[in-house]
Amino acid sequence: MTQPLPEPDPQNFRIDREGKWFHEGHLIAREALVKLFADKGLKRDGQGRYWLQSPYEKYAVEVEDVPFVVTDYEISEGQFILTTNLGEEVKVTPDNPLELRTYPAAKEKIPYIHIREGLYARMGRAVYYELVMKYGKTLAVGGTDYQLAEDKHES
């Protein structure tokens, strides 16, 4: 019989809106450690709370917006592939769709993508503006249209 995890430790983990990780106010500079946390331990529960979880411990994580930021993209062979600030590549698919959301630091809706298990990435400003400048409000790839920007006539 497995033992339930103890209540979350009140450690101070935080992910800022640029996807940078902090512990007790200090930047976690070791990218390998951040990747390990993000890949293996970061969870989001049904109430939208984020947790860093290991088999024996559970820590609450404050996330300003979403844990990941899209920093690059590739359009190749009918696929739209986004790369996060931690180097994770995600294909835009029905399981990992783009959705327009209001970014708290901006007045416009921008694309977010589902990464896995309730975790999302926000399209970074440079990637967003590059895509909109090149392709307009809608990007057509492999027979699928992806909405990049809100039509100002929509409410």
C-alpha atoms as a PDB file:
ATOM      1  CA  MET A   1       0.000   0.000   0.000  1.00  0.00           C
ATOM      2  CA  THR A   2       1.428   3.373  -0.967  1.00  0.00           C
ATOM      3  CA  GLN A   3       1.608   6.140   1.567  1.00  0.00           C
ATOM      4  CA  PRO A   4      -0.085   9.442   0.683  1.00  0.00           C
ATOM      5  CA  LEU A   5       2.267  12.327   0.011  1.00  0.00           C
ATOM      6  CA  PRO A   6       2.689  14.769   2.871  1.00  0.00           C
ATOM      7  CA  GLU A   7       1.084  18.185   2.586  1.00  0.00           C
ATOM      8  CA  PRO A   8       3.031  20.533   0.300  1.00  0.00           C
ATOM      9  CA  ASP A   9       6.126  22.067   1.819  1.00  0.00           C
ATOM     10  CA  PRO A  10       5.882  25.863   1.833  1.00  0.00           C
ATOM     11  CA  GLN A  11       9.132  26.210  -0.134  1.00  0.00           C
ATOM     12  CA  ASN A  12       9.152  29.261  -2.341  1.00  0.00           C
ATOM     13  CA  PHE A  13       9.278  28.047  -5.956  1.00  0.00           C
ATOM     14  CA  ARG A  14       8.216  30.517  -8.619  1.00  0.00           C
ATOM     15  CA  ILE A  15       8.172  30.634 -12.424  1.00  0.00           C
ATOM     16  CA  ASP A  16       8.021  34.160 -13.821  1.00  0.00           C
ATOM     17  CA  ARG A  17       6.169  35.146 -16.980  1.00  0.00           C
ATOM     18  CA  GLU A  18       9.341  34.659 -19.052  1.00  0.00           C
ATOM     19  CA  GLY A  19       9.632  31.023 -17.915  1.00  0.00           C
ATOM     20  CA  LYS A  20      12.511  31.630 -15.493  1.00  0.00           C
ATOM     21  CA  TRP A  21      12.548  29.480 -12.365  1.00  0.00           C
ATOM     22  CA  PHE A  22      13.294  30.834  -8.882  1.00  0.00           C
ATOM     23  CA  HIS A  23      13.709  29.225  -5.466  1.00  0.00           C
ATOM     24  CA  GLU A  24      13.442  31.407  -2.371  1.00  0.00           C
ATOM     25  CA  GLY A  25      13.862  34.480  -4.573  1.00  0.00           C
ATOM     26  CA  HIS A  26      17.022  33.272  -6.328  1.00  0.00           C
ATOM     27  CA  LEU A  27      17.201  32.385 -10.014  1.00  0.00           C
ATOM     28  CA  ILE A  28      17.832  28.678 -10.588  1.00  0.00           C
ATOM     29  CA  ALA A  29      20.679  29.090 -13.071  1.00  0.00           C
ATOM     30  CA  ARG A  30      21.392  25.419 -13.773  1.00  0.00           C
ATOM     31  CA  GLU A  31      19.380  24.754 -16.932  1.00  0.00           C
ATOM     32  CA  ALA A  32      19.734  20.979 -16.495  1.00  0.00           C
ATOM     33  CA  LEU A  33      18.063  21.205 -13.074  1.00  0.00           C
ATOM     34  CA  VAL A  34      15.234  23.382 -14.411  1.00  0.00           C
ATOM     35  CA  LYS A  35      14.703  20.922 -17.289  1.00  0.00           C
ATOM     36  CA  LEU A  36      14.559  18.024 -14.821  1.00  0.00           C
ATOM     37  CA  PHE A  37      12.000  19.840 -12.660  1.00  0.00           C
ATOM     38  CA  ALA A  38       9.916  20.864 -15.685  1.00  0.00           C
ATOM     39  CA  ASP A  39      10.024  17.490 -17.417  1.00  0.00           C
ATOM     40  CA  LYS A  40       9.639  15.086 -14.503  1.00  0.00           C
ATOM     41  CA  GLY A  41       8.188  16.966 -11.563  1.00  0.00           C
ATOM     42  CA  LEU A  42       6.001  19.866 -12.647  1.00  0.00           C
ATOM     43  CA  LYS A  43       2.279  19.087 -12.330  1.00  0.00           C
ATOM     44  CA  ARG A  44      -0.946  21.075 -12.490  1.00  0.00           C
ATOM     45  CA  ASP A  45      -3.992  19.989 -10.527  1.00  0.00           C
ATOM     46  CA  GLY A  46      -7.691  20.333 -11.316  1.00  0.00           C
ATOM     47  CA  GLN A  47      -7.871  23.665  -9.488  1.00  0.00           C
ATOM     48  CA  GLY A  48      -5.124  25.139 -11.693  1.00  0.00           C
ATOM     49  CA  ARG A  49      -2.455  25.015  -8.973  1.00  0.00           C
ATOM     50  CA  TYR A  50       1.093  24.034  -9.899  1.00  0.00           C
ATOM     51  CA  TRP A  51       3.207  21.558  -7.952  1.00  0.00           C
ATOM     52  CA  LEU A  52       6.740  20.262  -8.089  1.00  0.00           C
ATOM     53  CA  GLN A  53       6.336  16.631  -7.154  1.00  0.00           C
ATOM     54  CA  SER A  54       8.755  13.798  -6.497  1.00  0.00           C
ATOM     55  CA  PRO A  55       7.906  10.352  -5.170  1.00  0.00           C
ATOM     56  CA  TYR A  56       8.422  11.628  -1.604  1.00  0.00           C
ATOM     57  CA  GLU A  57       7.846  15.387  -1.607  1.00  0.00           C
ATOM     58  CA  LYS A  58       5.473  17.963  -3.036  1.00  0.00           C
ATOM     59  CA  TYR A  59       6.131  21.709  -3.301  1.00  0.00           C
ATOM     60  CA  ALA A  60       3.743  24.443  -4.368  1.00  0.00           C
ATOM     61  CA  VAL A  61       4.952  26.480  -7.363  1.00  0.00           C
ATOM     62  CA  GLU A  62       3.737  30.017  -8.036  1.00  0.00           C
ATOM     63  CA  VAL A  63       3.427  30.557 -11.798  1.00  0.00           C
ATOM     64  CA  GLU A  64       2.918  34.125 -13.044  1.00  0.00           C
ATOM     65  CA  ASP A  65       1.319  33.096 -16.346  1.00  0.00           C
ATOM     66  CA  VAL A  66       2.284  29.665 -17.722  1.00  0.00           C
ATOM     67  CA  PRO A  67       5.459  27.642 -17.079  1.00  0.00           C
ATOM     68  CA  PHE A  68       6.859  27.736 -20.618  1.00  0.00           C
ATOM     69  CA  VAL A  69       7.463  30.301 -23.360  1.00  0.00           C
ATOM     70  CA  VAL A  70       7.748  29.498 -27.078  1.00  0.00           C
ATOM     71  CA  THR A  71      11.085  30.879 -28.275  1.00  0.00           C
ATOM     72  CA  ASP A  72      11.358  29.395 -31.770  1.00  0.00           C
ATOM     73  CA  TYR A  73       9.325  27.672 -34.462  1.00  0.00           C
ATOM     74  CA  GLU A  74       9.730  25.562 -37.567  1.00  0.00           C
ATOM     75  CA  ILE A  75       7.358  24.917 -40.430  1.00  0.00           C
ATOM     76  CA  SER A  76       8.468  21.787 -42.225  1.00  0.00           C
ATOM     77  CA  GLU A  77       6.837  19.027 -44.269  1.00  0.00           C
ATOM     78  CA  GLY A  78       3.324  20.130 -43.382  1.00  0.00           C
ATOM     79  CA  GLN A  79       4.041  20.407 -39.660  1.00  0.00           C
ATOM     80  CA  PHE A  80       4.098  23.407 -37.332  1.00  0.00           C
ATOM     81  CA  ILE A  81       6.642  22.774 -34.563  1.00  0.00           C
ATOM     82  CA  LEU A  82       7.215  25.107 -31.615  1.00  0.00           C
ATOM     83  CA  THR A  83      10.259  25.101 -29.321  1.00  0.00           C
ATOM     84  CA  THR A  84      10.023  26.212 -25.689  1.00  0.00           C
ATOM     85  CA  ASN A  85      12.509  28.151 -23.608  1.00  0.00           C
ATOM     86  CA  LEU A  86      13.739  24.786 -22.270  1.00  0.00           C
ATOM     87  CA  GLY A  87      14.328  23.317 -25.724  1.00  0.00           C
ATOM     88  CA  GLU A  88      11.247  21.091 -25.774  1.00  0.00           C
ATOM     89  CA  GLU A  89       9.756  20.710 -29.246  1.00  0.00           C
ATOM     90  CA  VAL A  90       5.986  20.429 -29.558  1.00  0.00           C
ATOM     91  CA  LYS A  91       4.046  19.762 -32.750  1.00  0.00           C
ATOM     92  CA  VAL A  92       0.835  21.742 -33.048  1.00  0.00           C
ATOM     93  CA  THR A  93      -1.837  19.027 -33.340  1.00  0.00           C
ATOM     94  CA  PRO A  94      -5.418  18.449 -32.172  1.00  0.00           C
ATOM     95  CA  ASP A  95      -3.912  17.056 -28.924  1.00  0.00           C
ATOM     96  CA  ASN A  96      -1.601  20.077 -28.591  1.00  0.00           C
ATOM     97  CA  PRO A  97      -3.706  22.867 -30.107  1.00  0.00           C
ATOM     98  CA  LEU A  98      -3.038  26.573 -30.309  1.00  0.00           C
ATOM     99  CA  GLU A  99      -5.583  28.699 -28.491  1.00  0.00           C
ATOM    100  CA  LEU A 100      -5.841  32.456 -28.235  1.00  0.00           C
ATOM    101  CA  ARG A 101      -5.829  33.797 -24.680  1.00  0.00           C
ATOM    102  CA  THR A 102      -5.440  37.203 -23.160  1.00  0.00           C
ATOM    103  CA  TYR A 103      -1.866  37.586 -21.947  1.00  0.00           C
ATOM    104  CA  PRO A 104      -1.994  39.454 -18.624  1.00  0.00           C
ATOM    105  CA  ALA A 105       0.862  41.808 -19.600  1.00  0.00           C
ATOM    106  CA  ALA A 106      -0.711  42.784 -22.949  1.00  0.00           C
ATOM    107  CA  LYS A 107      -4.002  44.075 -24.242  1.00  0.00           C
ATOM    108  CA  GLU A 108      -4.265  41.527 -27.044  1.00  0.00           C
ATOM    109  CA  LYS A 109      -4.908  37.825 -27.271  1.00  0.00           C
ATOM    110  CA  ILE A 110      -1.925  35.731 -28.273  1.00  0.00           C
ATOM    111  CA  PRO A 111      -1.427  32.006 -28.921  1.00  0.00           C
ATOM    112  CA  TYR A 112      -0.835  29.516 -26.153  1.00  0.00           C
ATOM    113  CA  ILE A 113      -0.151  25.838 -26.798  1.00  0.00           C
ATOM    114  CA  HIS A 114      -0.940  22.810 -24.700  1.00  0.00           C
ATOM    115  CA  ILE A 115       2.347  21.016 -23.975  1.00  0.00           C
ATOM    116  CA  ARG A 116       1.241  18.071 -21.849  1.00  0.00           C
ATOM    117  CA  GLU A 117      -0.911  17.154 -18.835  1.00  0.00           C
ATOM    118  CA  GLY A 118      -2.501  20.587 -18.398  1.00  0.00           C
ATOM    119  CA  LEU A 119       0.774  22.497 -18.879  1.00  0.00           C
ATOM    120  CA  TYR A 120       0.888  25.311 -21.436  1.00  0.00           C
ATOM    121  CA  ALA A 121       3.395  27.561 -23.163  1.00  0.00           C
ATOM    122  CA  ARG A 122       2.755  31.123 -24.256  1.00  0.00           C
ATOM    123  CA  MET A 123       4.104  32.198 -27.611  1.00  0.00           C
ATOM    124  CA  GLY A 124       7.016  34.543 -26.936  1.00  0.00           C
ATOM    125  CA  ARG A 125       6.779  38.088 -28.219  1.00  0.00           C
ATOM    126  CA  ALA A 126       9.527  37.774 -30.888  1.00  0.00           C
ATOM    127  CA  VAL A 127       8.079  34.537 -32.318  1.00  0.00           C
ATOM    128  CA  TYR A 128       4.541  35.906 -32.217  1.00  0.00           C
ATOM    129  CA  TYR A 129       5.369  39.104 -34.087  1.00  0.00           C
ATOM    130  CA  GLU A 130       7.540  37.280 -36.622  1.00  0.00           C
ATOM    131  CA  LEU A 131       4.731  34.835 -37.432  1.00  0.00           C
ATOM    132  CA  VAL A 132       2.093  37.568 -37.695  1.00  0.00           C
ATOM    133  CA  MET A 133       4.355  39.711 -39.905  1.00  0.00           C
ATOM    134  CA  LYS A 134       5.086  36.755 -42.224  1.00  0.00           C
ATOM    135  CA  TYR A 135       1.696  35.022 -42.302  1.00  0.00           C
ATOM    136  CA  GLY A 136      -0.929  37.445 -41.032  1.00  0.00           C
ATOM    137  CA  LYS A 137      -3.607  36.479 -38.538  1.00  0.00           C
ATOM    138  CA  THR A 138      -3.936  32.909 -39.806  1.00  0.00           C
ATOM    139  CA  LEU A 139      -1.176  30.434 -40.649  1.00  0.00           C
ATOM    140  CA  ALA A 140      -2.030  27.569 -43.016  1.00  0.00           C
ATOM    141  CA  VAL A 141       0.189  24.490 -42.601  1.00  0.00           C
ATOM    142  CA  GLY A 142      -0.497  21.012 -43.940  1.00  0.00           C
ATOM    143  CA  GLY A 143      -4.134  21.760 -44.726  1.00  0.00           C
ATOM    144  CA  THR A 144      -4.849  23.183 -41.264  1.00  0.00           C
ATOM    145  CA  ASP A 145      -5.405  26.844 -40.420  1.00  0.00           C
ATOM    146  CA  TYR A 146      -3.943  28.115 -37.145  1.00  0.00           C
ATOM    147  CA  GLN A 147      -5.254  31.394 -35.794  1.00  0.00           C
ATOM    148  CA  LEU A 148      -2.346  33.554 -34.645  1.00  0.00           C
ATOM    149  CA  ALA A 149      -4.118  36.805 -33.878  1.00  0.00           C
ATOM    150  CA  GLU A 150      -7.579  37.951 -33.007  1.00  0.00           C
ATOM    151  CA  ASP A 151      -9.758  39.404 -35.726  1.00  0.00           C
ATOM    152  CA  LYS A 152     -10.577  42.886 -34.431  1.00  0.00           C
ATOM    153  CA  HIS A 153     -14.139  42.473 -35.744  1.00  0.00           C
ATOM    154  CA  GLU A 154     -14.741  39.592 -33.313  1.00  0.00           C
ATOM    155  CA  SER A 155     -15.969  40.413 -29.849  1.00  0.00           C
END
